[in-house]
Amino acid sequence: MQQISSKRMNQHRARVLIAVALTCALSGCSRFRPHPSDKYVYVTAKQNYLRDRVAAVSNRTGTVTNGEQLVVLDRARRWVKVRTPSGEIGWVEERLTAPQDVADKFDALRKDHEKDPVVATATTSDEAYLHVAPGRLTDKLYLLTENGTLSLLQRASVPKPITPGAQPPSSQPAAASTDPNASPAGPIYEDWWLVRDAKGQTGWVYSRLLEVSAPDSLLRYAEGQRIVGAYILTHVDDPDSGILDNGNTITSIPVYVTVLSPYKAGLPYDFNQVRVFTWNIKKHRYETGFAERNIVGYLPVKIGSRKDPYSKAADAPLMLPAFTYSVLAADQPLPTPDPTTGLIKPGRTIAKTYRLVGNICRRVLPAGTQPEAEAHPEPEAIKPGSKAAKRAARAASRKPASKSAAKPSAKAAKH
């Protein structure tokens, strides 16, 4: 009897275990079911408070700051319940956050441009958001602080958003303009810069919120132009410079290469002037050692040192300060902003290299080689007796005379 009772108990236990197993299989035991991965949002506001409930009256449960990653716990009426990295839980308005896909776009942007050359440096004139693409209506996330230092990577020009109720500029008749630097008829453009901050975050910033880094001593020589980039070419030693820094005289004075452009957006070039400011040791002041105007120039400007393999001068074998920039070839049309990306991609360009010999900039060019013709935003005035005037005269003399000019009219023959 005892054996029969023990056998029945074992059978009962087996039935219970099978029933429990079937129940777990059908309903899904939480300990065996994989947990869903966390979903995140990111704070776009400079700073905001978490609330204990979605109501007109609520209590603060924590503080979140720009760029902070939050775990999503629940959603309700345009609010999101989140948990901070420190464990604080509360509700925050959904409009003050960005979803994961926006953060992923910024990560991709950073990786795609982490090796891009820096074309200039700038500081923010005010707090500014990084956008994932050029344009005021594009997604934004990271907030830059005022006076933050940035590396400029590339420029884009996009149409300015139309104010609600305003007539689109393209539908208005454009008045004739004689200004060759004026933006073409149609949309009003605004410039944006792809930048990288000190933390490596990369994104697009509205150009009017940026101030290109240039010393105050050069700004007075800008002549109403915007300095796009200022680069140190070399230094000159002047013990009596008269320039003070915290009461101490600066004796090592930098020589600058600067590129400038008009204060306009949507231009088909990055700059239309190049100027080199050398230091006069006798007069202890900056002077223009080189200037080229009315060009269609593009960044970057490359700074370095090199020899002149084409010259027979005594300084040709010396490694002297040099700079290189690119201009549009004369046979190429002026580019327009890409309608999708806003980027301005020129056609064939000409690289021009100069060496600083003393206070004179000399172009590095093979002997006997004529410089290739360049594009100009404004028509070039030909001076009488210049090489350009002589070339034009030779070209005109090679043209065959027309029949009307070769044969005088019957009326003219009578006279």
Protein backbone atom coordinates (compact mmCIF):
# COMPACT_ATOMS: atom_id res chain seq x y z
CA MET A 1 0.00 0.00 0.00
CA GLN A 2 2.80 2.39 0.83
CA GLN A 3 4.41 1.76 -2.56
CA ILE A 4 1.11 2.42 -4.37
CA SER A 5 0.61 5.69 -2.41
CA SER A 6 4.17 6.87 -3.19
CA LYS A 7 3.63 6.09 -6.86
CA ARG A 8 0.42 8.12 -6.94
CA MET A 9 2.15 11.08 -5.27
CA ASN A 10 4.93 11.04 -7.86
CA GLN A 11 2.34 10.95 -10.64
CA HIS A 12 0.53 13.91 -9.05
CA ARG A 13 3.75 15.92 -8.80
CA ALA A 14 4.53 15.18 -12.44
CA ARG A 15 1.06 16.38 -13.47
CA VAL A 16 1.56 19.63 -11.46
CA LEU A 17 4.96 20.31 -13.04
CA ILE A 18 3.57 19.69 -16.52
CA ALA A 19 0.64 22.03 -15.82
CA VAL A 20 2.99 24.76 -14.56
CA ALA A 21 5.22 24.34 -17.62
CA LEU A 22 2.24 24.56 -19.97
CA THR A 23 0.96 27.66 -18.18
CA CYS A 24 4.35 29.39 -18.53
CA ALA A 25 4.59 28.38 -22.17
CA LEU A 26 1.11 29.74 -22.98
CA SER A 27 1.20 32.92 -20.88
CA GLY A 28 4.95 33.58 -21.04
CA CYS A 29 6.90 33.75 -17.81
CA SER A 30 8.64 37.08 -17.38
CA ARG A 31 11.81 35.44 -16.17
CA PHE A 32 12.15 33.49 -19.45
CA ARG A 33 10.78 36.19 -21.82
CA PRO A 34 13.42 38.58 -23.32
CA HIS A 35 12.97 42.16 -22.15
CA PRO A 36 12.46 44.79 -24.89
CA SER A 37 15.38 47.16 -25.37
CA ASP A 38 15.08 50.64 -23.90
CA LYS A 39 13.90 53.51 -26.08
CA TYR A 40 15.60 56.88 -25.74
CA VAL A 41 14.96 60.56 -26.29
CA TYR A 42 17.47 63.41 -26.03
CA VAL A 43 17.01 66.81 -24.42
CA THR A 44 17.02 69.71 -26.91
CA ALA A 45 16.26 72.46 -24.38
CA LYS A 46 19.11 74.19 -22.60
CA GLN A 47 17.66 72.99 -19.28
CA ASN A 48 14.29 71.80 -18.06
CA TYR A 49 12.59 70.26 -15.01
CA LEU A 50 10.97 66.84 -14.68
CA ARG A 51 7.43 66.75 -13.25
CA ASP A 52 5.78 64.09 -11.11
CA ARG A 53 2.56 64.19 -13.19
CA VAL A 54 0.97 65.78 -16.24
CA ALA A 55 -1.20 68.42 -14.65
CA ALA A 56 -1.54 72.17 -14.22
CA VAL A 57 -0.06 71.78 -10.74
CA SER A 58 2.87 69.41 -10.33
CA ASN A 59 6.07 68.93 -8.39
CA ARG A 60 9.62 68.92 -9.69
CA THR A 61 11.35 65.56 -9.54
CA GLY A 62 14.61 66.33 -11.32
CA THR A 63 16.54 68.45 -13.83
CA VAL A 64 17.68 67.58 -17.36
CA THR A 65 20.15 69.44 -19.58
CA ASN A 66 20.83 69.75 -23.31
CA GLY A 67 21.97 66.59 -25.09
CA GLU A 68 21.21 64.31 -22.11
CA GLN A 69 20.01 60.80 -22.99
CA LEU A 70 16.75 59.77 -21.28
CA VAL A 71 15.05 56.38 -21.10
CA VAL A 72 11.39 56.47 -22.20
CA LEU A 73 9.01 54.90 -19.67
CA ASP A 74 5.60 56.12 -20.86
CA ARG A 75 3.87 58.68 -23.11
CA ALA A 76 0.74 60.77 -22.63
CA ARG A 77 -0.73 63.95 -24.18
CA ARG A 78 2.46 65.28 -25.81
CA TRP A 79 4.47 64.44 -22.69
CA VAL A 80 7.06 61.74 -22.12
CA LYS A 81 7.79 59.96 -18.86
CA VAL A 82 11.55 59.41 -18.64
CA ARG A 83 14.35 58.23 -16.41
CA THR A 84 17.66 60.11 -16.27
CA PRO A 85 21.10 58.45 -16.07
CA SER A 86 21.12 59.33 -12.34
CA GLY A 87 17.79 57.53 -11.78
CA GLU A 88 15.45 60.53 -11.53
CA ILE A 89 11.99 59.85 -12.99
CA GLY A 90 9.45 62.36 -14.23
CA TRP A 91 7.51 63.84 -17.11
CA VAL A 92 8.92 66.23 -19.72
CA GLU A 93 7.29 67.91 -22.72
CA GLU A 94 7.87 65.93 -25.91
CA ARG A 95 8.64 69.12 -27.91
CA LEU A 96 11.73 69.64 -25.73
CA THR A 97 13.22 66.31 -26.81
CA ALA A 98 14.53 64.68 -29.99
CA PRO A 99 13.99 61.02 -30.89
CA GLN A 100 16.72 58.44 -31.38
CA ASP A 101 16.80 58.77 -35.18
CA VAL A 102 17.83 62.44 -34.90
CA ALA A 103 20.69 61.51 -32.57
CA ASP A 104 21.70 58.79 -35.04
CA LYS A 105 21.85 61.37 -37.84
CA PHE A 106 24.20 63.54 -35.80
CA ASP A 107 26.42 60.52 -35.08
CA ALA A 108 26.56 59.73 -38.80
CA LEU A 109 27.35 63.37 -39.61
CA ARG A 110 30.20 63.35 -37.09
CA LYS A 111 31.69 60.14 -38.49
CA ASP A 112 31.34 61.27 -42.13
CA HIS A 113 33.21 64.54 -41.51
CA GLU A 114 35.63 63.72 -38.70
CA LYS A 115 38.59 63.86 -41.12
CA ASP A 116 37.46 66.91 -43.11
CA PRO A 117 40.09 69.70 -43.26
CA VAL A 118 39.40 72.85 -41.26
CA VAL A 119 39.00 75.81 -43.64
CA ALA A 120 38.72 78.48 -40.93
CA THR A 121 37.91 78.97 -37.24
CA ALA A 122 35.11 81.00 -35.69
CA THR A 123 33.30 81.76 -32.46
CA THR A 124 29.58 81.88 -31.73
CA SER A 125 28.19 85.38 -31.19
CA ASP A 126 25.26 83.92 -29.22
CA GLU A 127 23.87 80.55 -28.23
CA ALA A 128 23.29 78.51 -31.38
CA TYR A 129 21.84 75.10 -32.20
CA LEU A 130 23.55 72.48 -34.31
CA HIS A 131 21.23 71.35 -37.10
CA VAL A 132 21.42 68.03 -38.89
CA ALA A 133 21.19 69.82 -42.27
CA PRO A 134 21.37 73.46 -43.41
CA GLY A 135 18.09 75.29 -42.87
CA ARG A 136 16.05 76.76 -40.03
CA LEU A 137 13.36 74.07 -40.22
CA THR A 138 15.71 71.08 -40.05
CA ASP A 139 16.11 68.87 -36.97
CA LYS A 140 18.29 70.29 -34.19
CA LEU A 141 19.70 68.86 -30.98
CA TYR A 142 22.93 70.19 -29.46
CA LEU A 143 23.09 73.78 -28.17
CA LEU A 144 26.38 75.66 -28.52
CA THR A 145 27.34 78.19 -25.88
CA GLU A 146 28.16 81.81 -26.62
CA ASN A 147 31.81 82.52 -27.55
CA GLY A 148 32.47 78.84 -28.18
CA THR A 149 35.31 78.08 -30.59
CA LEU A 150 34.36 76.16 -33.73
CA SER A 151 36.14 74.67 -36.73
CA LEU A 152 34.49 75.54 -40.05
CA LEU A 153 34.36 72.68 -42.56
CA GLN A 154 32.16 73.72 -45.50
CA ARG A 155 29.51 76.25 -46.55
CA ALA A 156 26.02 75.76 -47.95
CA SER A 157 23.39 78.23 -49.20
CA VAL A 158 19.70 77.40 -48.84
CA PRO A 159 16.53 79.42 -49.50
CA LYS A 160 15.28 81.45 -46.56
CA PRO A 161 11.94 80.18 -45.22
CA ILE A 162 9.00 82.25 -46.43
CA THR A 163 7.06 84.11 -43.76
CA PRO A 164 3.46 82.81 -43.56
CA GLY A 165 1.25 85.00 -45.73
CA ALA A 166 4.16 86.53 -47.64
CA GLN A 167 4.42 86.25 -51.41
CA PRO A 168 7.23 83.93 -52.60
CA PRO A 169 10.16 85.97 -54.01
CA SER A 170 10.30 83.81 -57.15
CA SER A 171 6.80 84.94 -58.15
CA GLN A 172 7.70 88.62 -57.92
CA PRO A 173 9.25 90.37 -60.93
CA ALA A 174 12.93 90.97 -60.20
CA ALA A 175 14.29 94.43 -60.88
CA ALA A 176 17.34 94.60 -63.10
CA SER A 177 20.55 94.77 -61.10
CA THR A 178 23.96 95.95 -62.18
CA ASP A 179 25.65 94.43 -59.16
CA PRO A 180 27.44 91.22 -60.26
CA ASN A 181 27.73 90.09 -56.62
CA ALA A 182 23.97 90.29 -56.11
CA SER A 183 22.18 87.02 -55.50
CA PRO A 184 20.29 85.74 -58.55
CA ALA A 185 16.61 86.54 -58.96
CA GLY A 186 14.40 84.05 -57.15
CA PRO A 187 14.66 82.73 -53.58
CA ILE A 188 16.48 84.76 -50.94
CA TYR A 189 19.39 82.66 -49.73
CA GLU A 190 21.04 82.36 -46.35
CA ASP A 191 24.41 80.77 -45.63
CA TRP A 192 25.05 77.91 -43.22
CA TRP A 193 28.35 76.42 -42.08
CA LEU A 194 29.13 72.82 -41.21
CA VAL A 195 31.10 73.11 -37.97
CA ARG A 196 32.83 70.93 -35.41
CA ASP A 197 33.07 71.97 -31.76
CA ALA A 198 35.72 71.17 -29.15
CA LYS A 199 33.83 68.00 -28.12
CA GLY A 200 33.74 66.71 -31.70
CA GLN A 201 30.01 67.32 -32.18
CA THR A 202 29.32 68.20 -35.82
CA GLY A 203 26.38 70.02 -37.37
CA TRP A 204 25.18 73.02 -39.35
CA VAL A 205 24.99 76.54 -37.88
CA TYR A 206 23.43 79.69 -39.30
CA SER A 207 26.29 81.89 -40.54
CA ARG A 208 25.01 85.07 -38.90
CA LEU A 209 25.60 83.49 -35.50
CA LEU A 210 29.30 83.03 -36.28
CA GLU A 211 32.25 85.42 -36.18
CA VAL A 212 35.31 84.27 -38.11
CA SER A 213 38.45 84.42 -35.96
CA ALA A 214 40.60 87.37 -37.07
CA PRO A 215 42.76 89.74 -35.01
CA ASP A 216 41.39 93.22 -34.34
CA SER A 217 44.49 94.71 -35.94
CA LEU A 218 43.30 93.37 -39.33
CA LEU A 219 39.63 94.25 -39.11
CA ARG A 220 40.36 97.93 -39.79
CA TYR A 221 41.81 96.93 -43.18
CA ALA A 222 38.77 94.89 -44.29
CA GLU A 223 37.37 97.88 -46.27
CA GLY A 224 33.77 96.88 -45.70
CA GLN A 225 34.35 93.27 -46.69
CA ARG A 226 33.77 90.19 -44.56
CA ILE A 227 36.91 88.28 -43.54
CA VAL A 228 36.22 84.65 -44.44
CA GLY A 229 39.54 83.33 -43.15
CA ALA A 230 42.77 84.66 -41.61
CA TYR A 231 45.83 82.38 -41.62
CA ILE A 232 49.27 82.93 -40.10
CA LEU A 233 51.87 82.63 -42.85
CA THR A 234 54.99 83.34 -40.76
CA HIS A 235 56.27 85.59 -37.94
CA VAL A 236 58.50 88.67 -37.96
CA ASP A 237 60.68 89.67 -35.02
CA ASP A 238 60.17 93.31 -33.93
CA PRO A 239 61.32 94.19 -30.38
CA ASP A 240 59.79 97.67 -30.75
CA SER A 241 56.44 96.61 -32.20
CA GLY A 242 54.45 98.68 -29.71
CA ILE A 243 51.84 95.92 -29.44
CA LEU A 244 51.10 95.02 -25.83
CA ASP A 245 49.62 91.92 -24.26
CA ASN A 246 48.91 92.29 -20.52
CA GLY A 247 51.50 95.06 -20.37
CA ASN A 248 54.19 93.06 -22.17
CA THR A 249 55.47 93.96 -25.64
CA ILE A 250 54.82 91.33 -28.29
CA THR A 251 58.00 90.88 -30.31
CA SER A 252 56.93 88.03 -32.61
CA ILE A 253 54.45 89.56 -35.05
CA PRO A 254 52.42 87.25 -37.32
CA VAL A 255 52.13 87.81 -41.07
CA TYR A 256 48.61 86.99 -42.27
CA VAL A 257 47.00 85.66 -45.43
CA THR A 258 43.34 86.73 -45.48
CA VAL A 259 40.47 85.95 -47.83
CA LEU A 260 37.44 88.25 -47.99
CA SER A 261 33.98 88.43 -49.54
CA PRO A 262 30.98 90.80 -49.57
CA TYR A 263 28.42 90.64 -46.77
CA LYS A 264 25.97 88.65 -48.89
CA ALA A 265 24.59 85.12 -48.85
CA GLY A 266 24.23 82.70 -51.72
CA LEU A 267 27.34 83.91 -53.55
CA PRO A 268 28.85 81.52 -56.14
CA TYR A 269 32.26 81.68 -54.43
CA ASP A 270 33.77 81.54 -50.94
CA PHE A 271 35.83 84.71 -51.42
CA ASN A 272 36.61 87.30 -54.09
CA GLN A 273 39.70 88.87 -52.55
CA VAL A 274 43.05 87.64 -51.23
CA ARG A 275 45.26 89.97 -49.19
CA VAL A 276 48.57 89.37 -47.41
CA PHE A 277 49.34 91.68 -44.50
CA THR A 278 53.06 92.01 -43.88
CA TRP A 279 54.68 93.83 -40.96
CA ASN A 280 56.76 96.95 -41.58
CA ILE A 281 59.58 96.78 -39.01
CA LYS A 282 60.56 100.44 -39.51
CA LYS A 283 57.05 101.87 -39.17
CA HIS A 284 55.82 99.15 -36.79
CA ARG A 285 52.52 98.57 -38.57
CA TYR A 286 50.75 96.22 -40.95
CA GLU A 287 50.85 96.93 -44.67
CA THR A 288 49.33 95.20 -47.67
CA GLY A 289 52.09 93.10 -49.19
CA PHE A 290 49.87 91.36 -51.73
CA ALA A 291 46.33 91.86 -52.98
CA GLU A 292 44.24 90.13 -55.62
CA ARG A 293 40.66 91.21 -56.23
CA ASN A 294 37.74 90.26 -58.44
CA ILE A 295 38.38 86.52 -58.30
CA VAL A 296 36.10 83.51 -57.89
CA GLY A 297 37.95 81.81 -55.03
CA TYR A 298 37.27 78.65 -53.05
CA LEU A 299 38.41 77.30 -49.71
CA PRO A 300 40.58 75.81 -48.33
CA VAL A 301 43.66 78.05 -48.29
CA LYS A 302 46.73 75.89 -47.74
CA ILE A 303 49.64 77.30 -45.72
CA GLY A 304 53.13 75.83 -45.72
CA SER A 305 56.65 76.37 -47.03
CA ARG A 306 58.32 75.36 -50.28
CA LYS A 307 61.10 75.94 -52.77
CA ASP A 308 60.69 77.38 -56.26
CA PRO A 309 61.88 74.71 -58.72
CA TYR A 310 61.25 76.96 -61.73
CA SER A 311 63.21 80.04 -60.68
CA LYS A 312 66.96 80.71 -61.00
CA ALA A 313 66.97 83.35 -58.28
CA ALA A 314 69.28 82.96 -55.30
CA ASP A 315 66.33 82.36 -52.97
CA ALA A 316 64.76 79.65 -55.16
CA PRO A 317 66.30 76.70 -53.22
CA LEU A 318 65.22 78.13 -49.87
CA MET A 319 62.18 76.81 -48.02
CA LEU A 320 60.12 79.98 -47.71
CA PRO A 321 56.56 80.58 -46.45
CA ALA A 322 54.00 79.77 -49.14
CA PHE A 323 50.26 79.66 -49.60
CA THR A 324 47.92 78.11 -52.17
CA TYR A 325 44.30 78.83 -53.06
CA SER A 326 41.96 77.86 -55.89
CA VAL A 327 40.04 80.02 -58.37
CA LEU A 328 37.49 79.15 -61.04
CA ALA A 329 38.79 78.72 -64.58
CA ALA A 330 37.54 81.19 -67.18
CA ASP A 331 35.80 78.51 -69.25
CA GLN A 332 33.61 77.41 -66.34
CA PRO A 333 30.19 78.87 -65.44
CA LEU A 334 29.54 80.35 -62.02
CA PRO A 335 28.10 77.55 -59.87
CA THR A 336 24.73 77.68 -58.14
CA PRO A 337 23.73 76.05 -54.83
CA ASP A 338 22.65 72.44 -55.08
CA PRO A 339 18.85 72.41 -54.63
CA THR A 340 19.04 69.40 -52.28
CA THR A 341 22.15 69.95 -50.15
CA GLY A 342 22.80 73.67 -50.65
CA LEU A 343 26.47 72.94 -51.36
CA ILE A 344 28.25 75.02 -54.00
CA LYS A 345 30.40 72.80 -56.19
CA PRO A 346 32.54 74.65 -58.76
CA GLY A 347 33.74 73.15 -62.02
CA ARG A 348 37.39 73.09 -62.96
CA THR A 349 39.57 75.27 -60.75
CA ILE A 350 43.12 76.61 -60.95
CA ALA A 351 45.49 76.23 -58.00
CA LYS A 352 47.64 79.34 -57.46
CA THR A 353 50.73 79.13 -55.25
CA TYR A 354 52.78 82.08 -53.94
CA ARG A 355 55.98 82.29 -51.89
CA LEU A 356 56.75 85.12 -49.49
CA VAL A 357 60.21 86.45 -50.44
CA GLY A 358 61.00 89.21 -47.97
CA ASN A 359 57.79 91.25 -48.06
CA ILE A 360 56.98 90.35 -51.67
CA CYS A 361 54.70 87.51 -52.79
CA ARG A 362 55.89 85.77 -55.96
CA ARG A 363 53.88 83.19 -57.82
CA VAL A 364 55.39 79.76 -58.36
CA LEU A 365 55.03 79.16 -62.11
CA PRO A 366 57.20 77.50 -64.76
CA ALA A 367 59.32 79.98 -66.72
CA GLY A 368 57.72 81.09 -69.96
CA THR A 369 54.29 79.78 -68.93
CA GLN A 370 51.35 82.10 -69.39
CA PRO A 371 48.93 82.09 -66.42
CA GLU A 372 45.68 80.36 -67.30
CA ALA A 373 42.67 82.62 -67.75
CA GLU A 374 40.45 82.89 -64.67
CA ALA A 375 36.78 83.64 -64.14
CA HIS A 376 35.82 87.01 -62.65
CA PRO A 377 32.59 88.00 -60.89
CA GLU A 378 32.88 91.47 -62.49
CA PRO A 379 34.05 92.27 -66.03
CA GLU A 380 37.77 92.96 -66.05
CA ALA A 381 38.74 96.43 -67.28
CA ILE A 382 41.56 96.20 -69.84
CA LYS A 383 44.17 98.92 -69.44
CA PRO A 384 45.59 100.42 -72.66
CA GLY A 385 49.08 99.10 -73.35
CA SER A 386 48.75 96.18 -70.92
CA LYS A 387 49.46 92.58 -71.87
CA ALA A 388 45.74 91.85 -71.87
CA ALA A 389 45.13 94.75 -74.28
CA LYS A 390 47.88 93.49 -76.61
CA ARG A 391 46.44 89.96 -76.55
CA ALA A 392 43.00 91.32 -77.38
CA ALA A 393 44.45 93.38 -80.26
CA ARG A 394 46.26 90.34 -81.68
CA ALA A 395 43.09 88.27 -81.42
CA ALA A 396 41.11 90.98 -83.23
CA SER A 397 43.70 91.23 -86.01
CA ARG A 398 43.44 87.49 -86.69
CA LYS A 399 39.68 87.69 -87.29
CA PRO A 400 38.74 87.80 -91.03
CA ALA A 401 37.18 91.02 -92.18
CA SER A 402 33.50 90.88 -93.07
CA LYS A 403 32.35 91.28 -96.69
CA SER A 404 30.61 94.55 -95.95
CA ALA A 405 33.86 95.95 -94.56
CA ALA A 406 36.03 94.54 -97.38
CA LYS A 407 33.90 95.90 -100.26
CA PRO A 408 32.98 99.58 -100.19
CA SER A 409 29.43 100.44 -101.18
CA ALA A 410 28.64 101.94 -104.59
CA LYS A 411 27.82 105.25 -102.97
CA ALA A 412 31.16 105.30 -101.20
CA ALA A 413 32.99 104.41 -104.47
CA LYS A 414 31.55 107.47 -106.23
CA HIS A 415 33.06 109.71 -103.63
